[in-house]
C-alpha atoms as a PDB file:
ATOM      1  CA  MET A   1      -0.346  -0.132   0.083  1.00  0.00           C
ATOM      2  CA  LEU A   2       2.736   2.372   0.921  1.00  0.00           C
ATOM      3  CA  LEU A   3       4.535   1.316  -2.353  1.00  0.00           C
ATOM      4  CA  ALA A   4       1.408   2.496  -4.425  1.00  0.00           C
ATOM      5  CA  ILE A   5       0.738   5.642  -2.733  1.00  0.00           C
ATOM      6  CA  SER A   6       4.209   6.772  -2.941  1.00  0.00           C
ATOM      7  CA  GLU A   7       4.451   5.899  -6.712  1.00  0.00           C
ATOM      8  CA  THR A   8       1.013   7.393  -7.169  1.00  0.00           C
ATOM      9  CA  PRO A   9       0.957  10.667  -5.067  1.00  0.00           C
ATOM     10  CA  GLY A  10      -2.706  11.808  -4.759  1.00  0.00           C
ATOM     11  CA  ILE A  11      -4.192   8.089  -5.184  1.00  0.00           C
ATOM     12  CA  SER A  12      -7.447   7.507  -4.381  1.00  0.00           C
ATOM     13  CA  ARG A  13      -9.314   4.875  -2.139  1.00  0.00           C
ATOM     14  CA  GLY A  14     -10.688   3.268  -5.477  1.00  0.00           C
ATOM     15  CA  GLU A  15      -7.437   3.130  -7.235  1.00  0.00           C
ATOM     16  CA  LEU A  16      -5.913   1.788  -4.190  1.00  0.00           C
ATOM     17  CA  ALA A  17      -8.387  -1.174  -3.616  1.00  0.00           C
ATOM     18  CA  ASP A  18      -8.084  -1.819  -7.961  1.00  0.00           C
ATOM     19  CA  ILE A  19      -4.369  -1.902  -7.678  1.00  0.00           C
ATOM     20  CA  LEU A  20      -4.551  -4.250  -4.250  1.00  0.00           C
ATOM     21  CA  GLY A  21      -7.309  -6.287  -5.029  1.00  0.00           C
ATOM     22  CA  ILE A  22      -9.021  -5.582  -1.854  1.00  0.00           C
ATOM     23  CA  ALA A  23     -12.065  -3.847  -0.726  1.00  0.00           C
ATOM     24  CA  GLY A  24     -12.467  -0.151  -0.152  1.00  0.00           C
ATOM     25  CA  SER A  25     -13.425  -0.713   3.270  1.00  0.00           C
ATOM     26  CA  SER A  26     -10.034  -2.278   3.761  1.00  0.00           C
ATOM     27  CA  VAL A  27      -8.223   0.205   2.207  1.00  0.00           C
ATOM     28  CA  THR A  28      -9.881   2.962   4.393  1.00  0.00           C
ATOM     29  CA  LYS A  29      -9.304   0.738   7.396  1.00  0.00           C
ATOM     30  CA  GLN A  30      -5.484   0.554   6.391  1.00  0.00           C
ATOM     31  CA  VAL A  31      -4.866   3.869   5.580  1.00  0.00           C
ATOM     32  CA  GLN A  32      -6.293   5.271   8.553  1.00  0.00           C
ATOM     33  CA  LYS A  33      -3.483   3.230  10.561  1.00  0.00           C
ATOM     34  CA  LEU A  34      -0.983   4.671   7.989  1.00  0.00           C
ATOM     35  CA  ILE A  35      -2.331   8.346   8.725  1.00  0.00           C
ATOM     36  CA  THR A  36      -2.298   7.683  12.525  1.00  0.00           C
ATOM     37  CA  GLU A  37       1.088   6.514  12.170  1.00  0.00           C
ATOM     38  CA  GLY A  38       2.104   9.647  10.247  1.00  0.00           C
ATOM     39  CA  PHE A  39       3.344   7.524   7.034  1.00  0.00           C
ATOM     40  CA  VAL A  40       0.302   9.154   4.905  1.00  0.00           C
ATOM     41  CA  SER A  41      -1.817  12.245   4.617  1.00  0.00           C
ATOM     42  CA  VAL A  42      -5.129  12.750   3.163  1.00  0.00           C
ATOM     43  CA  GLN A  43      -6.552  15.593   1.175  1.00  0.00           C
ATOM     44  CA  LYS A  44     -10.135  15.774   0.311  1.00  0.00           C
ATOM     45  CA  ASP A  45     -11.647  17.501  -2.770  1.00  0.00           C
ATOM     46  CA  LYS A  46     -15.095  17.494  -3.962  1.00  0.00           C
ATOM     47  CA  LYS A  47     -15.308  14.252  -5.307  1.00  0.00           C
ATOM     48  CA  PHE A  48     -12.222  11.977  -3.864  1.00  0.00           C
ATOM     49  CA  THR A  49     -10.044  11.567  -0.850  1.00  0.00           C
ATOM     50  CA  ARG A  50      -6.623  11.371  -1.965  1.00  0.00           C
ATOM     51  CA  TYR A  51      -3.641   9.780  -0.086  1.00  0.00           C
ATOM     52  CA  TYR A  52       0.047  11.180  -0.277  1.00  0.00           C
ATOM     53  CA  LEU A  53       2.924   9.874   1.482  1.00  0.00           C
ATOM     54  CA  MET A  54       4.533  11.961   4.263  1.00  0.00           C
ATOM     55  CA  ASP A  55       8.366  12.840   4.388  1.00  0.00           C
ATOM     56  CA  ILE A  56       9.124  10.906   7.101  1.00  0.00           C
ATOM     57  CA  SER A  57      13.360  11.064   6.647  1.00  0.00           C
ATOM     58  CA  SER A  58      13.492  13.524   9.826  1.00  0.00           C
ATOM     59  CA  LYS A  59      12.203  10.535  11.565  1.00  0.00           C
ATOM     60  CA  LEU A  60      15.044   7.951  10.971  1.00  0.00           C
ATOM     61  CA  PRO A  61      18.542   7.783  11.966  1.00  0.00           C
ATOM     62  CA  GLN A  62      20.907   9.699   9.453  1.00  0.00           C
ATOM     63  CA  ASN A  63      22.487   6.899   7.780  1.00  0.00           C
ATOM     64  CA  ILE A  64      19.230   5.298   6.808  1.00  0.00           C
ATOM     65  CA  SER A  65      17.121   5.799   3.757  1.00  0.00           C
ATOM     66  CA  PRO A  66      13.544   6.624   4.375  1.00  0.00           C
ATOM     67  CA  LEU A  67      12.308   4.219   1.795  1.00  0.00           C
ATOM     68  CA  ASN A  68      14.311   1.343   3.223  1.00  0.00           C
ATOM     69  CA  MET A  69      12.843   2.098   6.661  1.00  0.00           C
ATOM     70  CA  ILE A  70       9.337   1.887   6.001  1.00  0.00           C
ATOM     71  CA  PRO A  71       8.903  -1.843   5.841  1.00  0.00           C
ATOM     72  CA  TYR A  72      10.833  -2.178   9.193  1.00  0.00           C
ATOM     73  CA  GLN A  73       8.588   0.477  10.935  1.00  0.00           C
ATOM     74  CA  MET A  74       5.872  -1.130   9.611  1.00  0.00           C
ATOM     75  CA  ILE A  75       7.131  -4.740  10.422  1.00  0.00           C
ATOM     76  CA  ARG A  76       7.391  -3.274  14.121  1.00  0.00           C
ATOM     77  CA  LYS A  77       4.219  -2.091  14.482  1.00  0.00           C
ATOM     78  CA  ILE A  78       2.196  -4.756  13.488  1.00  0.00           C
ATOM     79  CA  THR A  79       3.972  -7.022  15.892  1.00  0.00           C
ATOM     80  CA  SER A  80       3.737  -4.893  18.829  1.00  0.00           C
ATOM     81  CA  ASP A  81      -0.031  -4.807  18.444  1.00  0.00           C
END
């Protein structure tokens, strides 16, 4: 999901659902977690809700690339719940 959002800034819920092959309600639930964790931001326009990847580089150690760190942070979050 993070990869799809990073490759298509402004992607909608429906587009994410199509790409991932999951229901729109599942997209909403998962994106809400990513928003809460600070990985994704949301913008609503007249018709759609659009998702954008947040810049998390300031949260990372200096010698680690942000894109390399995302899977680690997500795994850590999932396993700690």
